[in-house]
């Protein structure tokens, strides 16, 4: 007897594999802004892009704590 819907359970892909597949299959890039594999200028570019597209992260965090 099945207790979980079909497709649930089993092995999950590691997060890095999901990111890699997203880039290769859909052109979606997921990057942590503090990824140590990136140089400082690359991390700064990621931060600037994130702020341009989604707003300033620090202002959003401050607003949720008030």
Protein backbone atom coordinates (compact mmCIF):
# COMPACT_ATOMS: atom_id res chain seq x y z
CA UNK A 1 0.00 0.00 0.00
CA UNK A 2 1.27 3.49 -0.87
CA UNK A 3 1.17 6.20 1.74
CA UNK A 4 2.86 8.97 -0.26
CA UNK A 5 1.76 10.27 -3.66
CA UNK A 6 3.68 9.02 -6.67
CA UNK A 7 6.92 10.94 -7.14
CA UNK A 8 7.50 11.55 -3.44
CA UNK A 9 10.16 9.77 -1.45
CA UNK A 10 13.26 8.13 -2.79
CA UNK A 11 16.59 9.86 -3.31
CA UNK A 12 16.77 13.62 -3.71
CA UNK A 13 19.30 15.37 -5.88
CA UNK A 14 21.91 17.40 -4.02
CA UNK A 15 21.37 21.19 -4.24
CA UNK A 16 24.48 21.69 -6.40
CA UNK A 17 23.09 19.18 -8.92
CA UNK A 18 19.76 21.03 -9.01
CA UNK A 19 21.63 24.31 -9.67
CA UNK A 20 23.77 22.72 -12.39
CA UNK A 21 20.75 21.14 -14.09
CA UNK A 22 18.83 24.42 -13.91
CA UNK A 23 21.65 26.23 -15.69
CA UNK A 24 22.16 23.58 -18.35
CA UNK A 25 18.50 22.83 -19.05
CA UNK A 26 16.76 26.18 -18.51
CA UNK A 27 19.45 28.86 -18.41
CA UNK A 28 18.62 29.67 -14.78
CA UNK A 29 21.60 30.64 -12.64
CA UNK A 30 21.43 30.20 -8.86
CA UNK A 31 24.40 31.69 -7.04
CA UNK A 32 24.97 32.34 -3.36
CA UNK A 33 26.27 35.88 -3.01
CA UNK A 34 29.07 34.68 -0.69
CA UNK A 35 30.16 31.65 -2.75
CA UNK A 36 33.86 31.22 -1.97
CA UNK A 37 34.53 29.83 -5.45
CA UNK A 38 34.03 33.34 -6.82
CA UNK A 39 36.50 36.20 -6.68
CA UNK A 40 35.58 39.43 -4.89
CA UNK A 41 34.66 41.25 -8.16
CA UNK A 42 32.44 38.32 -9.17
CA UNK A 43 30.68 38.31 -5.77
CA UNK A 44 30.21 42.07 -5.99
CA UNK A 45 28.66 41.71 -9.45
CA UNK A 46 26.26 39.07 -8.10
CA UNK A 47 25.31 41.39 -5.21
CA UNK A 48 24.70 44.31 -7.57
CA UNK A 49 22.60 42.21 -9.94
CA UNK A 50 20.53 40.87 -7.04
CA UNK A 51 19.89 44.37 -5.72
CA UNK A 52 18.99 45.67 -9.17
CA UNK A 53 16.54 42.86 -9.87
CA UNK A 54 15.10 42.21 -6.40
CA UNK A 55 15.95 45.20 -4.20
CA UNK A 56 18.39 45.76 -1.37
CA UNK A 57 18.60 42.67 0.85
CA UNK A 58 19.63 44.64 3.95
CA UNK A 59 16.67 47.04 3.74
CA UNK A 60 14.27 44.10 3.40
CA UNK A 61 15.76 42.34 6.44
CA UNK A 62 15.57 45.52 8.55
CA UNK A 63 11.91 46.03 7.59
CA UNK A 64 10.95 42.51 8.67
CA UNK A 65 12.57 42.94 12.11
CA UNK A 66 10.63 46.12 12.99
